[in-house]
Amino acid sequence: MAANKNTILAWATTIMIIMGLILIALAVFRYDDVAGWGFGAVGVGFLANAWVFSSLKGRV
């Protein structure tokens, strides 16, 4: 199976969405102190990067 640029961006987007949701879940369910805010912020950042990668598909 040949992987072109769009396939790589799709896989990167999928992995980043999964990681972002895991980090947000850690912030909500595991950490109740200041560390939870950090995990949540990083999770939202992962989702924002995944959104950018998703919008780049077909343009690169």
PDB file of N, CA and C in Angstrom:
ATOM      1  N   MET A   1       0.844  -1.179   0.000  1.00  0.00           N
ATOM      2  CA  MET A   1       0.000   0.000   0.000  1.00  0.00           C
ATOM      3  C   MET A   1       0.891   1.244   0.000  1.00  0.00           C
ATOM      4  N   ALA A   2       0.742   2.057  -0.991  1.00  0.00           N
ATOM      5  CA  ALA A   2       1.520   3.284  -1.095  1.00  0.00           C
ATOM      6  C   ALA A   2       0.828   4.389  -0.299  1.00  0.00           C
ATOM      7  N   ALA A   3       1.613   5.077   0.487  1.00  0.00           N
ATOM      8  CA  ALA A   3       1.075   6.162   1.305  1.00  0.00           C
ATOM      9  C   ALA A   3       1.474   7.493   0.677  1.00  0.00           C
ATOM     10  N   ASN A   4       0.497   8.245   0.233  1.00  0.00           N
ATOM     11  CA  ASN A   4       0.792   9.567  -0.298  1.00  0.00           C
ATOM     12  C   ASN A   4       0.677  10.610   0.815  1.00  0.00           C
ATOM     13  N   LYS A   5       0.819  11.881   0.462  1.00  0.00           N
ATOM     14  CA  LYS A   5       0.798  12.940   1.468  1.00  0.00           C
ATOM     15  C   LYS A   5      -0.538  13.026   2.202  1.00  0.00           C
ATOM     16  N   ASN A   6      -1.630  12.819   1.469  1.00  0.00           N
ATOM     17  CA  ASN A   6      -2.946  12.912   2.112  1.00  0.00           C
ATOM     18  C   ASN A   6      -3.171  11.778   3.102  1.00  0.00           C
ATOM     19  N   THR A   7      -2.653  10.588   2.788  1.00  0.00           N
ATOM     20  CA  THR A   7      -2.783   9.460   3.723  1.00  0.00           C
ATOM     21  C   THR A   7      -1.999   9.729   4.999  1.00  0.00           C
ATOM     22  N   ILE A   8      -0.800  10.268   4.858  1.00  0.00           N
ATOM     23  CA  ILE A   8       0.015  10.585   6.033  1.00  0.00           C
ATOM     24  C   ILE A   8      -0.664  11.652   6.885  1.00  0.00           C
ATOM     25  N   LEU A   9      -1.212  12.686   6.251  1.00  0.00           N
ATOM     26  CA  LEU A   9      -1.915  13.724   7.013  1.00  0.00           C
ATOM     27  C   LEU A   9      -3.166  13.175   7.687  1.00  0.00           C
ATOM     28  N   ALA A  10      -3.849  12.241   7.037  1.00  0.00           N
ATOM     29  CA  ALA A  10      -5.034  11.638   7.656  1.00  0.00           C
ATOM     30  C   ALA A  10      -4.650  10.834   8.891  1.00  0.00           C
ATOM     31  N   TRP A  11      -3.578  10.056   8.788  1.00  0.00           N
ATOM     32  CA  TRP A  11      -3.122   9.292   9.963  1.00  0.00           C
ATOM     33  C   TRP A  11      -2.660  10.223  11.079  1.00  0.00           C
ATOM     34  N   ALA A  12      -1.930  11.276  10.740  1.00  0.00           N
ATOM     35  CA  ALA A  12      -1.474  12.234  11.754  1.00  0.00           C
ATOM     36  C   ALA A  12      -2.659  12.909  12.429  1.00  0.00           C
ATOM     37  N   THR A  13      -3.678  13.261  11.650  1.00  0.00           N
ATOM     38  CA  THR A  13      -4.875  13.877  12.218  1.00  0.00           C
ATOM     39  C   THR A  13      -5.576  12.929  13.175  1.00  0.00           C
ATOM     40  N   THR A  14      -5.707  11.668  12.776  1.00  0.00           N
ATOM     41  CA  THR A  14      -6.378  10.683  13.626  1.00  0.00           C
ATOM     42  C   THR A  14      -5.626  10.469  14.938  1.00  0.00           C
ATOM     43  N   ILE A  15      -4.314  10.331  14.848  1.00  0.00           N
ATOM     44  CA  ILE A  15      -3.504  10.115  16.056  1.00  0.00           C
ATOM     45  C   ILE A  15      -3.581  11.334  16.966  1.00  0.00           C
ATOM     46  N   MET A  16      -3.542  12.534  16.393  1.00  0.00           N
ATOM     47  CA  MET A  16      -3.584  13.738  17.225  1.00  0.00           C
ATOM     48  C   MET A  16      -4.955  13.919  17.886  1.00  0.00           C
ATOM     49  N   ILE A  17      -6.032  13.539  17.203  1.00  0.00           N
ATOM     50  CA  ILE A  17      -7.360  13.613  17.825  1.00  0.00           C
ATOM     51  C   ILE A  17      -7.444  12.650  18.999  1.00  0.00           C
ATOM     52  N   ILE A  18      -6.940  11.436  18.816  1.00  0.00           N
ATOM     53  CA  ILE A  18      -6.965  10.446  19.897  1.00  0.00           C
ATOM     54  C   ILE A  18      -6.149  10.934  21.086  1.00  0.00           C
ATOM     55  N   MET A  19      -4.936  11.441  20.827  1.00  0.00           N
ATOM     56  CA  MET A  19      -4.098  11.924  21.925  1.00  0.00           C
ATOM     57  C   MET A  19      -4.726  13.129  22.626  1.00  0.00           C
ATOM     58  N   GLY A  20      -5.337  14.032  21.859  1.00  0.00           N
ATOM     59  CA  GLY A  20      -5.986  15.191  22.462  1.00  0.00           C
ATOM     60  C   GLY A  20      -7.129  14.790  23.378  1.00  0.00           C
ATOM     61  N   LEU A  21      -7.928  13.825  22.930  1.00  0.00           N
ATOM     62  CA  LEU A  21      -9.035  13.358  23.769  1.00  0.00           C
ATOM     63  C   LEU A  21      -8.538  12.629  25.015  1.00  0.00           C
ATOM     64  N   ILE A  22      -7.446  11.878  24.884  1.00  0.00           N
ATOM     65  CA  ILE A  22      -6.878  11.198  26.050  1.00  0.00           C
ATOM     66  C   ILE A  22      -6.369  12.224  27.055  1.00  0.00           C
ATOM     67  N   LEU A  23      -5.686  13.265  26.588  1.00  0.00           N
ATOM     68  CA  LEU A  23      -5.178  14.284  27.508  1.00  0.00           C
ATOM     69  C   LEU A  23      -6.308  15.048  28.185  1.00  0.00           C
ATOM     70  N   ILE A  24      -7.361  15.352  27.454  1.00  0.00           N
ATOM     71  CA  ILE A  24      -8.499  16.039  28.068  1.00  0.00           C
ATOM     72  C   ILE A  24      -9.186  15.127  29.080  1.00  0.00           C
ATOM     73  N   ALA A  25      -9.285  13.832  28.768  1.00  0.00           N
ATOM     74  CA  ALA A  25      -9.875  12.886  29.719  1.00  0.00           C
ATOM     75  C   ALA A  25      -9.019  12.777  30.979  1.00  0.00           C
ATOM     76  N   LEU A  26      -7.700  12.800  30.825  1.00  0.00           N
ATOM     77  CA  LEU A  26      -6.831  12.809  32.009  1.00  0.00           C
ATOM     78  C   LEU A  26      -7.087  14.045  32.855  1.00  0.00           C
ATOM     79  N   ALA A  27      -7.239  15.190  32.206  1.00  0.00           N
ATOM     80  CA  ALA A  27      -7.479  16.430  32.945  1.00  0.00           C
ATOM     81  C   ALA A  27      -8.804  16.382  33.694  1.00  0.00           C
ATOM     82  N   VAL A  28      -9.810  15.776  33.094  1.00  0.00           N
ATOM     83  CA  VAL A  28     -11.140  15.773  33.720  1.00  0.00           C
ATOM     84  C   VAL A  28     -11.241  14.714  34.807  1.00  0.00           C
ATOM     85  N   PHE A  29     -10.756  13.502  34.524  1.00  0.00           N
ATOM     86  CA  PHE A  29     -11.018  12.382  35.429  1.00  0.00           C
ATOM     87  C   PHE A  29      -9.885  12.052  36.390  1.00  0.00           C
ATOM     88  N   ARG A  30      -8.654  12.483  36.097  1.00  0.00           N
ATOM     89  CA  ARG A  30      -7.533  12.033  36.929  1.00  0.00           C
ATOM     90  C   ARG A  30      -6.984  13.138  37.827  1.00  0.00           C
ATOM     91  N   TYR A  31      -6.748  14.320  37.265  1.00  0.00           N
ATOM     92  CA  TYR A  31      -6.065  15.377  38.008  1.00  0.00           C
ATOM     93  C   TYR A  31      -7.040  16.461  38.412  1.00  0.00           C
ATOM     94  N   ASP A  32      -7.100  16.722  39.701  1.00  0.00           N
ATOM     95  CA  ASP A  32      -8.015  17.733  40.228  1.00  0.00           C
ATOM     96  C   ASP A  32      -7.321  19.043  40.560  1.00  0.00           C
ATOM     97  N   ASP A  33      -6.001  19.073  40.482  1.00  0.00           N
ATOM     98  CA  ASP A  33      -5.271  20.271  40.867  1.00  0.00           C
ATOM     99  C   ASP A  33      -4.834  21.039  39.623  1.00  0.00           C
ATOM    100  N   VAL A  34      -3.779  21.824  39.769  1.00  0.00           N
ATOM    101  CA  VAL A  34      -3.313  22.689  38.690  1.00  0.00           C
ATOM    102  C   VAL A  34      -2.831  21.877  37.490  1.00  0.00           C
ATOM    103  N   ALA A  35      -2.336  20.674  37.723  1.00  0.00           N
ATOM    104  CA  ALA A  35      -1.860  19.840  36.608  1.00  0.00           C
ATOM    105  C   ALA A  35      -2.979  19.517  35.635  1.00  0.00           C
ATOM    106  N   GLY A  36      -4.193  19.433  36.111  1.00  0.00           N
ATOM    107  CA  GLY A  36      -5.335  19.171  35.234  1.00  0.00           C
ATOM    108  C   GLY A  36      -5.535  20.274  34.210  1.00  0.00           C
ATOM    109  N   TRP A  37      -5.313  21.521  34.626  1.00  0.00           N
ATOM    110  CA  TRP A  37      -5.425  22.628  33.683  1.00  0.00           C
ATOM    111  C   TRP A  37      -4.376  22.514  32.590  1.00  0.00           C
ATOM    112  N   GLY A  38      -3.186  22.085  32.954  1.00  0.00           N
ATOM    113  CA  GLY A  38      -2.121  21.905  31.964  1.00  0.00           C
ATOM    114  C   GLY A  38      -2.438  20.801  30.975  1.00  0.00           C
ATOM    115  N   PHE A  39      -2.905  19.663  31.494  1.00  0.00           N
ATOM    116  CA  PHE A  39      -3.284  18.563  30.608  1.00  0.00           C
ATOM    117  C   PHE A  39      -4.421  18.973  29.684  1.00  0.00           C
ATOM    118  N   GLY A  40      -5.382  19.703  30.208  1.00  0.00           N
ATOM    119  CA  GLY A  40      -6.494  20.157  29.385  1.00  0.00           C
ATOM    120  C   GLY A  40      -6.059  21.119  28.297  1.00  0.00           C
ATOM    121  N   ALA A  41      -5.158  22.038  28.643  1.00  0.00           N
ATOM    122  CA  ALA A  41      -4.670  22.998  27.651  1.00  0.00           C
ATOM    123  C   ALA A  41      -3.882  22.305  26.545  1.00  0.00           C
ATOM    124  N   VAL A  42      -3.062  21.346  26.912  1.00  0.00           N
ATOM    125  CA  VAL A  42      -2.288  20.611  25.909  1.00  0.00           C
ATOM    126  C   VAL A  42      -3.229  19.774  25.040  1.00  0.00           C
ATOM    127  N   GLY A  43      -4.262  19.192  25.629  1.00  0.00           N
ATOM    128  CA  GLY A  43      -5.234  18.427  24.858  1.00  0.00           C
ATOM    129  C   GLY A  43      -5.967  19.290  23.841  1.00  0.00           C
ATOM    130  N   VAL A  44      -6.343  20.493  24.240  1.00  0.00           N
ATOM    131  CA  VAL A  44      -6.997  21.413  23.307  1.00  0.00           C
ATOM    132  C   VAL A  44      -6.016  21.823  22.212  1.00  0.00           C
ATOM    133  N   GLY A  45      -4.750  21.986  22.558  1.00  0.00           N
ATOM    134  CA  GLY A  45      -3.731  22.290  21.553  1.00  0.00           C
ATOM    135  C   GLY A  45      -3.578  21.170  20.540  1.00  0.00           C
ATOM    136  N   PHE A  46      -3.617  19.924  21.005  1.00  0.00           N
ATOM    137  CA  PHE A  46      -3.544  18.785  20.092  1.00  0.00           C
ATOM    138  C   PHE A  46      -4.736  18.797  19.134  1.00  0.00           C
ATOM    139  N   LEU A  47      -5.930  19.095  19.644  1.00  0.00           N
ATOM    140  CA  LEU A  47      -7.099  19.143  18.780  1.00  0.00           C
ATOM    141  C   LEU A  47      -6.998  20.279  17.762  1.00  0.00           C
ATOM    142  N   ALA A  48      -6.424  21.422  18.168  1.00  0.00           N
ATOM    143  CA  ALA A  48      -6.247  22.536  17.237  1.00  0.00           C
ATOM    144  C   ALA A  48      -5.260  22.158  16.131  1.00  0.00           C
ATOM    145  N   ASN A  49      -4.166  21.485  16.487  1.00  0.00           N
ATOM    146  CA  ASN A  49      -3.207  21.037  15.477  1.00  0.00           C
ATOM    147  C   ASN A  49      -3.825  20.001  14.554  1.00  0.00           C
ATOM    148  N   ALA A  50      -4.651  19.132  15.086  1.00  0.00           N
ATOM    149  CA  ALA A  50      -5.318  18.140  14.245  1.00  0.00           C
ATOM    150  C   ALA A  50      -6.265  18.820  13.261  1.00  0.00           C
ATOM    151  N   TRP A  51      -6.899  19.892  13.691  1.00  0.00           N
ATOM    152  CA  TRP A  51      -7.782  20.647  12.807  1.00  0.00           C
ATOM    153  C   TRP A  51      -6.977  21.257  11.652  1.00  0.00           C
ATOM    154  N   VAL A  52      -5.789  21.787  11.962  1.00  0.00           N
ATOM    155  CA  VAL A  52      -4.925  22.350  10.925  1.00  0.00           C
ATOM    156  C   VAL A  52      -4.480  21.260   9.961  1.00  0.00           C
ATOM    157  N   PHE A  53      -4.059  20.104  10.479  1.00  0.00           N
ATOM    158  CA  PHE A  53      -3.635  19.016   9.608  1.00  0.00           C
ATOM    159  C   PHE A  53      -4.781  18.558   8.717  1.00  0.00           C
ATOM    160  N   SER A  54      -5.991  18.515   9.270  1.00  0.00           N
ATOM    161  CA  SER A  54      -7.146  18.096   8.495  1.00  0.00           C
ATOM    162  C   SER A  54      -7.435  19.093   7.363  1.00  0.00           C
ATOM    163  N   SER A  55      -7.249  20.363   7.641  1.00  0.00           N
ATOM    164  CA  SER A  55      -7.515  21.353   6.599  1.00  0.00           C
ATOM    165  C   SER A  55      -6.426  21.382   5.530  1.00  0.00           C
ATOM    166  N   LEU A  56      -5.247  20.848   5.823  1.00  0.00           N
ATOM    167  CA  LEU A  56      -4.168  20.815   4.841  1.00  0.00           C
ATOM    168  C   LEU A  56      -4.301  19.679   3.828  1.00  0.00           C
ATOM    169  N   LYS A  57      -5.157  18.704   4.139  1.00  0.00           N
ATOM    170  CA  LYS A  57      -5.307  17.582   3.204  1.00  0.00           C
ATOM    171  C   LYS A  57      -5.805  18.096   1.854  1.00  0.00           C
ATOM    172  N   GLY A  58      -5.136  17.676   0.790  1.00  0.00           N
ATOM    173  CA  GLY A  58      -5.501  18.089  -0.545  1.00  0.00           C
ATOM    174  C   GLY A  58      -4.865  19.376  -1.011  1.00  0.00           C
ATOM    175  N   ARG A  59      -4.229  20.120  -0.105  1.00  0.00           N
ATOM    176  CA  ARG A  59      -3.611  21.394  -0.458  1.00  0.00           C
ATOM    177  C   ARG A  59      -2.095  21.319  -0.494  1.00  0.00           C
ATOM    178  N   VAL A  60      -1.538  20.312   0.114  1.00  0.00           N
ATOM    179  CA  VAL A  60      -0.073  20.209   0.181  1.00  0.00           C
ATOM    180  C   VAL A  60       0.419  19.413  -1.000  1.00  0.00           C
TER     181      VAL A  60
END
